Amino acid sequence: FWTTRGFAVADVNYGGSTNKGRAYRERLYPWFGVVDVQDCCAAALYLAETGKVDRQRLTIMGESAGGFCTLAALTFRPEVFAAGASICGVSDLELLAQETHKFESQYMTRLIGPYPEARDRIVARSPINSVDKLVRPTAFFQGADDKIVPPNQATALAEALKEKGVMVAHVEIPGEGHGFRKAENIVLALEGQLYFFSKVLGFAPAGDIQSIEIFNEK
């Protein structure tokens, strides 16, 4: 979808990912929101420095933990990316520790530290607590029935950005949970991202794609 529309795509195998052994996976512990963000930024900047991509038109997108990485990169490394899109991403790690379903309720213990003992770190790495630093255009795509990352995660940050005057889109999709299953909703999320990036970066997207509502459009 992306490469046929003029985008270069880097699928970053950041610290915490598989395929490079246990030590590489465990680089993320307890540095969730730090190691992954640094690796994604380093990959994007390397591609720009080597002339493979346009330094001024870097975008970032991710789903779930990747959505959190997207929001954290836009918040804590705003000099790197021009815009981003979060799909079912986490904006408030403390809220996630309190509200997510039982199966994933202890993920935070390894990723950052036990709650509430590591509350200071958890709060500090949550984009919702650093809205003043988030100035890049951001799009949110969220399943209305998500039990893993509840919809209020996207709503709270999107509303804060809207009030702040940052360019933002917030698409909540009824009947979908954590990630999208129906073909029409997968299409909506992809075309919605392309539409959003076209408005941020100033190009006309190819084909007849769905538009989404954008607030504070420049």
C-alpha atoms as a PDB file:
ATOM      1  CA  PHE A   1       0.000   0.000   0.000  1.00  0.00           C
ATOM      2  CA  TRP A   2       2.657   2.510   1.022  1.00  0.00           C
ATOM      3  CA  THR A   3       5.489   1.830  -1.399  1.00  0.00           C
ATOM      4  CA  THR A   4       3.185   2.004  -4.402  1.00  0.00           C
ATOM      5  CA  ARG A   5       2.216   5.495  -3.261  1.00  0.00           C
ATOM      6  CA  GLY A   6       5.712   6.912  -3.016  1.00  0.00           C
ATOM      7  CA  PHE A   7       6.637   6.051   0.579  1.00  0.00           C
ATOM      8  CA  ALA A   8       9.774   4.251   1.677  1.00  0.00           C
ATOM      9  CA  VAL A   9       8.950   1.899   4.547  1.00  0.00           C
ATOM     10  CA  ALA A  10      11.282   0.796   7.359  1.00  0.00           C
ATOM     11  CA  ASP A  11       9.920  -2.006   9.560  1.00  0.00           C
ATOM     12  CA  VAL A  12      12.229  -1.509  12.547  1.00  0.00           C
ATOM     13  CA  ASN A  13      13.419  -4.542  14.496  1.00  0.00           C
ATOM     14  CA  TYR A  14      14.026  -2.444  17.600  1.00  0.00           C
ATOM     15  CA  GLY A  15      15.385  -3.669  20.908  1.00  0.00           C
ATOM     16  CA  GLY A  16      12.771  -5.918  22.455  1.00  0.00           C
ATOM     17  CA  SER A  17      11.934  -7.570  19.135  1.00  0.00           C
ATOM     18  CA  THR A  18      12.565 -11.208  18.234  1.00  0.00           C
ATOM     19  CA  ASN A  19      15.054 -12.786  15.798  1.00  0.00           C
ATOM     20  CA  LYS A  20      18.277 -11.631  17.461  1.00  0.00           C
ATOM     21  CA  GLY A  21      18.237 -13.724  20.617  1.00  0.00           C
ATOM     22  CA  ARG A  22      17.251 -13.312  24.245  1.00  0.00           C
ATOM     23  CA  ALA A  23      19.747 -10.535  25.049  1.00  0.00           C
ATOM     24  CA  TYR A  24      18.354  -8.380  22.240  1.00  0.00           C
ATOM     25  CA  ARG A  25      14.777  -8.953  23.413  1.00  0.00           C
ATOM     26  CA  GLU A  26      15.713  -8.056  26.953  1.00  0.00           C
ATOM     27  CA  ARG A  27      17.313  -4.758  25.955  1.00  0.00           C
ATOM     28  CA  LEU A  28      13.794  -3.390  26.346  1.00  0.00           C
ATOM     29  CA  TYR A  29      13.537  -4.310  30.048  1.00  0.00           C
ATOM     30  CA  PRO A  30      12.969  -2.020  31.937  1.00  0.00           C
ATOM     31  CA  TRP A  31      13.439   0.538  29.135  1.00  0.00           C
ATOM     32  CA  PHE A  32      10.096   0.314  27.325  1.00  0.00           C
ATOM     33  CA  GLY A  33       9.483   3.726  25.808  1.00  0.00           C
ATOM     34  CA  VAL A  34      13.209   4.496  25.648  1.00  0.00           C
ATOM     35  CA  VAL A  35      15.106   1.769  23.757  1.00  0.00           C
ATOM     36  CA  ASP A  36      12.340   1.222  21.194  1.00  0.00           C
ATOM     37  CA  VAL A  37      11.966   4.951  20.573  1.00  0.00           C
ATOM     38  CA  GLN A  38      15.726   5.470  20.235  1.00  0.00           C
ATOM     39  CA  ASP A  39      16.030   2.610  17.749  1.00  0.00           C
ATOM     40  CA  CYS A  40      13.158   3.871  15.573  1.00  0.00           C
ATOM     41  CA  CYS A  41      14.570   7.390  15.558  1.00  0.00           C
ATOM     42  CA  ALA A  42      18.063   6.098  14.758  1.00  0.00           C
ATOM     43  CA  ALA A  43      16.751   4.028  11.847  1.00  0.00           C
ATOM     44  CA  ALA A  44      14.809   6.951  10.376  1.00  0.00           C
ATOM     45  CA  LEU A  45      17.701   9.396  10.756  1.00  0.00           C
ATOM     46  CA  TYR A  46      20.158   6.928   9.222  1.00  0.00           C
ATOM     47  CA  LEU A  47      17.939   6.552   6.154  1.00  0.00           C
ATOM     48  CA  ALA A  48      17.756  10.325   5.874  1.00  0.00           C
ATOM     49  CA  GLU A  49      21.513  10.808   6.326  1.00  0.00           C
ATOM     50  CA  THR A  50      22.277   8.250   3.610  1.00  0.00           C
ATOM     51  CA  GLY A  51      19.938  10.010   1.168  1.00  0.00           C
ATOM     52  CA  LYS A  52      17.362   7.253   0.946  1.00  0.00           C
ATOM     53  CA  VAL A  53      14.493   9.347   2.341  1.00  0.00           C
ATOM     54  CA  ASP A  54      13.545  13.010   2.741  1.00  0.00           C
ATOM     55  CA  ARG A  55      14.673  14.244   6.164  1.00  0.00           C
ATOM     56  CA  GLN A  56      11.814  16.756   6.306  1.00  0.00           C
ATOM     57  CA  ARG A  57       9.093  14.215   5.525  1.00  0.00           C
ATOM     58  CA  LEU A  58       9.678  11.412   8.010  1.00  0.00           C
ATOM     59  CA  THR A  59       6.535   9.886   9.493  1.00  0.00           C
ATOM     60  CA  ILE A  60       6.034   7.156  12.081  1.00  0.00           C
ATOM     61  CA  MET A  61       3.161   4.762  12.654  1.00  0.00           C
ATOM     62  CA  GLY A  62       2.501   1.750  14.836  1.00  0.00           C
ATOM     63  CA  GLU A  63      -0.149  -0.428  16.439  1.00  0.00           C
ATOM     64  CA  SER A  64      -0.589  -1.257  20.144  1.00  0.00           C
ATOM     65  CA  ALA A  65       2.927  -1.157  21.653  1.00  0.00           C
ATOM     66  CA  GLY A  66       3.987   0.313  18.311  1.00  0.00           C
ATOM     67  CA  GLY A  67       1.318   2.954  18.772  1.00  0.00           C
ATOM     68  CA  PHE A  68       2.842   3.796  22.141  1.00  0.00           C
ATOM     69  CA  CYS A  69       6.283   3.957  20.511  1.00  0.00           C
ATOM     70  CA  THR A  70       4.831   6.315  17.895  1.00  0.00           C
ATOM     71  CA  LEU A  71       3.328   8.625  20.506  1.00  0.00           C
ATOM     72  CA  ALA A  72       6.472   8.513  22.650  1.00  0.00           C
ATOM     73  CA  ALA A  73       8.686   9.348  19.670  1.00  0.00           C
ATOM     74  CA  LEU A  74       6.492  12.294  18.677  1.00  0.00           C
ATOM     75  CA  THR A  75       6.431  13.505  22.285  1.00  0.00           C
ATOM     76  CA  PHE A  76       9.996  12.992  23.453  1.00  0.00           C
ATOM     77  CA  ARG A  77      11.863  13.235  20.117  1.00  0.00           C
ATOM     78  CA  PRO A  78       9.803  15.873  18.274  1.00  0.00           C
ATOM     79  CA  GLU A  79      12.765  16.903  16.126  1.00  0.00           C
ATOM     80  CA  VAL A  80      12.771  13.584  14.238  1.00  0.00           C
ATOM     81  CA  PHE A  81       9.322  12.999  12.702  1.00  0.00           C
ATOM     82  CA  ALA A  82       7.004  15.379  10.871  1.00  0.00           C
ATOM     83  CA  ALA A  83       3.869  13.447  11.873  1.00  0.00           C
ATOM     84  CA  GLY A  84       2.637  10.123  13.162  1.00  0.00           C
ATOM     85  CA  ALA A  85      -0.304   7.743  13.356  1.00  0.00           C
ATOM     86  CA  SER A  86      -1.154   5.585  16.371  1.00  0.00           C
ATOM     87  CA  ILE A  87      -3.416   2.553  15.996  1.00  0.00           C
ATOM     88  CA  CYS A  88      -4.802   1.354  19.337  1.00  0.00           C
ATOM     89  CA  GLY A  89      -1.752   2.887  20.991  1.00  0.00           C
ATOM     90  CA  VAL A  90      -1.097   3.580  24.667  1.00  0.00           C
ATOM     91  CA  SER A  91      -0.921   7.210  25.802  1.00  0.00           C
ATOM     92  CA  ASP A  92      -1.188   6.663  29.572  1.00  0.00           C
ATOM     93  CA  LEU A  93       0.870   3.781  30.961  1.00  0.00           C
ATOM     94  CA  GLU A  94      -0.460   4.246  34.471  1.00  0.00           C
ATOM     95  CA  LEU A  95      -4.030   3.952  33.238  1.00  0.00           C
ATOM     96  CA  LEU A  96      -3.028   0.854  31.276  1.00  0.00           C
ATOM     97  CA  ALA A  97      -1.597  -0.703  34.437  1.00  0.00           C
ATOM     98  CA  GLN A  98      -4.900  -0.066  36.193  1.00  0.00           C
ATOM     99  CA  GLU A  99      -7.385  -0.940  33.444  1.00  0.00           C
ATOM    100  CA  THR A 100      -6.073  -3.497  30.967  1.00  0.00           C
ATOM    101  CA  HIS A 101      -7.417  -7.059  30.992  1.00  0.00           C
ATOM    102  CA  LYS A 102      -6.030  -9.768  33.282  1.00  0.00           C
ATOM    103  CA  PHE A 103      -3.874 -11.554  30.696  1.00  0.00           C
ATOM    104  CA  GLU A 104      -1.639  -8.515  30.085  1.00  0.00           C
ATOM    105  CA  SER A 105      -2.058  -6.858  33.476  1.00  0.00           C
ATOM    106  CA  GLN A 106       1.512  -7.644  34.604  1.00  0.00           C
ATOM    107  CA  TYR A 107       3.325  -6.679  31.390  1.00  0.00           C
ATOM    108  CA  MET A 108       4.352  -3.358  32.926  1.00  0.00           C
ATOM    109  CA  THR A 109       6.331  -5.119  35.666  1.00  0.00           C
ATOM    110  CA  ARG A 110       8.911  -6.363  33.182  1.00  0.00           C
ATOM    111  CA  LEU A 111       8.666  -3.526  30.660  1.00  0.00           C
ATOM    112  CA  ILE A 112       9.200  -0.673  33.128  1.00  0.00           C
ATOM    113  CA  GLY A 113       8.729  -1.849  36.709  1.00  0.00           C
ATOM    114  CA  PRO A 114       6.038  -2.985  39.128  1.00  0.00           C
ATOM    115  CA  TYR A 115       3.121  -0.686  39.770  1.00  0.00           C
ATOM    116  CA  PRO A 116       2.832   1.310  41.987  1.00  0.00           C
ATOM    117  CA  GLU A 117       6.491   0.966  43.042  1.00  0.00           C
ATOM    118  CA  ALA A 118       7.753   2.222  39.658  1.00  0.00           C
ATOM    119  CA  ARG A 119       5.006   4.811  39.294  1.00  0.00           C
ATOM    120  CA  ASP A 120       7.416   7.715  38.751  1.00  0.00           C
ATOM    121  CA  ARG A 121       8.984   6.032  35.715  1.00  0.00           C
ATOM    122  CA  ILE A 122       5.615   4.930  34.388  1.00  0.00           C
ATOM    123  CA  VAL A 123       4.197   8.448  34.647  1.00  0.00           C
ATOM    124  CA  ALA A 124       7.313  10.044  33.145  1.00  0.00           C
ATOM    125  CA  ARG A 125       7.191   7.859  30.023  1.00  0.00           C
ATOM    126  CA  SER A 126       3.486   8.419  29.362  1.00  0.00           C
ATOM    127  CA  PRO A 127       2.848  10.875  26.492  1.00  0.00           C
ATOM    128  CA  ILE A 128      -0.377  12.066  28.137  1.00  0.00           C
ATOM    129  CA  ASN A 129       1.718  13.595  30.923  1.00  0.00           C
ATOM    130  CA  SER A 130       3.925  15.564  28.519  1.00  0.00           C
ATOM    131  CA  VAL A 131       1.343  17.101  26.201  1.00  0.00           C
ATOM    132  CA  ASP A 132       3.354  20.333  26.239  1.00  0.00           C
ATOM    133  CA  LYS A 133       6.107  18.513  24.315  1.00  0.00           C
ATOM    134  CA  LEU A 134       3.810  16.964  21.698  1.00  0.00           C
ATOM    135  CA  VAL A 135       3.637  19.466  18.851  1.00  0.00           C
ATOM    136  CA  ARG A 136       3.649  17.225  15.770  1.00  0.00           C
ATOM    137  CA  PRO A 137       0.473  16.361  13.832  1.00  0.00           C
ATOM    138  CA  THR A 138      -0.925  13.100  15.176  1.00  0.00           C
ATOM    139  CA  ALA A 139      -3.674  10.757  13.990  1.00  0.00           C
ATOM    140  CA  PHE A 140      -5.421   8.213  16.221  1.00  0.00           C
ATOM    141  CA  PHE A 141      -7.280   5.116  14.996  1.00  0.00           C
ATOM    142  CA  GLN A 142      -9.022   3.182  17.741  1.00  0.00           C
ATOM    143  CA  GLY A 143     -11.418   0.268  18.130  1.00  0.00           C
ATOM    144  CA  ALA A 144     -14.425   1.298  20.200  1.00  0.00           C
ATOM    145  CA  ASP A 145     -14.584  -2.157  21.843  1.00  0.00           C
ATOM    146  CA  ASP A 146     -10.876  -2.447  22.678  1.00  0.00           C
ATOM    147  CA  LYS A 147     -10.428  -4.209  26.040  1.00  0.00           C
ATOM    148  CA  ILE A 148      -6.615  -4.264  25.967  1.00  0.00           C
ATOM    149  CA  VAL A 149      -6.013  -0.562  25.348  1.00  0.00           C
ATOM    150  CA  PRO A 150      -9.366   1.077  26.173  1.00  0.00           C
ATOM    151  CA  PRO A 151     -10.593   3.855  23.858  1.00  0.00           C
ATOM    152  CA  ASN A 152     -10.124   6.502  26.543  1.00  0.00           C
ATOM    153  CA  GLN A 153      -6.377   6.274  25.908  1.00  0.00           C
ATOM    154  CA  ALA A 154      -6.765   7.766  22.431  1.00  0.00           C
ATOM    155  CA  THR A 155      -9.606  10.091  23.378  1.00  0.00           C
ATOM    156  CA  ALA A 156      -7.751  11.790  26.226  1.00  0.00           C
ATOM    157  CA  LEU A 157      -4.639  12.611  24.209  1.00  0.00           C
ATOM    158  CA  ALA A 158      -6.545  13.545  21.049  1.00  0.00           C
ATOM    159  CA  GLU A 159      -8.734  15.968  22.996  1.00  0.00           C
ATOM    160  CA  ALA A 160      -5.693  17.490  24.690  1.00  0.00           C
ATOM    161  CA  LEU A 161      -4.014  18.062  21.330  1.00  0.00           C
ATOM    162  CA  LYS A 162      -7.210  19.460  19.835  1.00  0.00           C
ATOM    163  CA  GLU A 163      -7.492  21.964  22.662  1.00  0.00           C
ATOM    164  CA  LYS A 164      -3.820  22.837  22.338  1.00  0.00           C
ATOM    165  CA  GLY A 165      -4.172  23.606  18.623  1.00  0.00           C
ATOM    166  CA  VAL A 166      -2.078  20.725  17.295  1.00  0.00           C
ATOM    167  CA  MET A 167      -3.218  19.176  14.013  1.00  0.00           C
ATOM    168  CA  VAL A 168      -5.018  15.971  15.016  1.00  0.00           C
ATOM    169  CA  ALA A 169      -7.425  13.305  13.746  1.00  0.00           C
ATOM    170  CA  HIS A 170      -9.288  10.842  15.959  1.00  0.00           C
ATOM    171  CA  VAL A 171     -11.116   7.942  14.308  1.00  0.00           C
ATOM    172  CA  GLU A 172     -12.950   5.568  16.659  1.00  0.00           C
ATOM    173  CA  ILE A 173     -14.355   2.533  14.869  1.00  0.00           C
ATOM    174  CA  PRO A 174     -17.475   0.808  16.265  1.00  0.00           C
ATOM    175  CA  GLY A 175     -17.441  -2.965  16.546  1.00  0.00           C
ATOM    176  CA  GLU A 176     -13.649  -3.250  16.489  1.00  0.00           C
ATOM    177  CA  GLY A 177     -11.359  -4.254  19.323  1.00  0.00           C
ATOM    178  CA  HIS A 178      -7.581  -4.215  19.645  1.00  0.00           C
ATOM    179  CA  GLY A 179      -6.626  -4.042  15.997  1.00  0.00           C
ATOM    180  CA  PHE A 180      -9.034  -4.121  13.100  1.00  0.00           C
ATOM    181  CA  ARG A 181     -10.564  -7.278  11.660  1.00  0.00           C
ATOM    182  CA  LYS A 182     -13.135  -6.155   9.094  1.00  0.00           C
ATOM    183  CA  ALA A 183     -11.777  -5.437   5.628  1.00  0.00           C
ATOM    184  CA  GLU A 184     -13.567  -2.109   5.342  1.00  0.00           C
ATOM    185  CA  ASN A 185     -12.045  -0.924   8.615  1.00  0.00           C
ATOM    186  CA  ILE A 186      -8.542  -1.999   7.641  1.00  0.00           C
ATOM    187  CA  VAL A 187      -9.026   0.020   4.455  1.00  0.00           C
ATOM    188  CA  LEU A 188     -10.358   2.974   6.460  1.00  0.00           C
ATOM    189  CA  ALA A 189      -7.298   2.981   8.732  1.00  0.00           C
ATOM    190  CA  LEU A 190      -4.842   2.776   5.837  1.00  0.00           C
ATOM    191  CA  GLU A 191      -6.561   5.363   3.676  1.00  0.00           C
ATOM    192  CA  GLY A 192      -7.163   7.561   6.710  1.00  0.00           C
ATOM    193  CA  GLN A 193      -3.452   7.578   7.483  1.00  0.00           C
ATOM    194  CA  LEU A 194      -2.590   8.376   3.875  1.00  0.00           C
ATOM    195  CA  TYR A 195      -5.143  11.194   3.816  1.00  0.00           C
ATOM    196  CA  PHE A 196      -3.766  12.618   7.069  1.00  0.00           C
ATOM    197  CA  PHE A 197      -0.150  12.467   5.902  1.00  0.00           C
ATOM    198  CA  SER A 198      -1.100  14.072   2.591  1.00  0.00           C
ATOM    199  CA  LYS A 199      -2.509  17.051   4.464  1.00  0.00           C
ATOM    200  CA  VAL A 200       0.538  17.325   6.708  1.00  0.00           C
ATOM    201  CA  LEU A 201       3.139  16.896   3.977  1.00  0.00           C
ATOM    202  CA  GLY A 202       1.280  18.713   1.216  1.00  0.00           C
ATOM    203  CA  PHE A 203       0.793  16.185  -1.564  1.00  0.00           C
ATOM    204  CA  ALA A 204      -2.207  14.890  -3.496  1.00  0.00           C
ATOM    205  CA  PRO A 205      -2.775  11.189  -2.695  1.00  0.00           C
ATOM    206  CA  ALA A 206      -3.220   8.844  -5.618  1.00  0.00           C
ATOM    207  CA  GLY A 207      -6.615   7.334  -6.256  1.00  0.00           C
ATOM    208  CA  ASP A 208      -9.998   7.880  -4.692  1.00  0.00           C
ATOM    209  CA  ILE A 209      -9.448   7.460  -0.943  1.00  0.00           C
ATOM    210  CA  GLN A 210     -11.588   8.062   2.120  1.00  0.00           C
ATOM    211  CA  SER A 211     -11.176  11.334   3.933  1.00  0.00           C
ATOM    212  CA  ILE A 212     -11.220  11.730   7.715  1.00  0.00           C
ATOM    213  CA  GLU A 213     -12.004  14.712   9.907  1.00  0.00           C
ATOM    214  CA  ILE A 214      -8.908  16.688  10.837  1.00  0.00           C
ATOM    215  CA  PHE A 215      -8.852  19.324  13.534  1.00  0.00           C
ATOM    216  CA  ASN A 216      -6.547  22.358  13.536  1.00  0.00           C
ATOM    217  CA  GLU A 217      -5.599  21.697   9.919  1.00  0.00           C
ATOM    218  CA  LYS A 218      -2.938  24.120   8.767  1.00  0.00           C
END
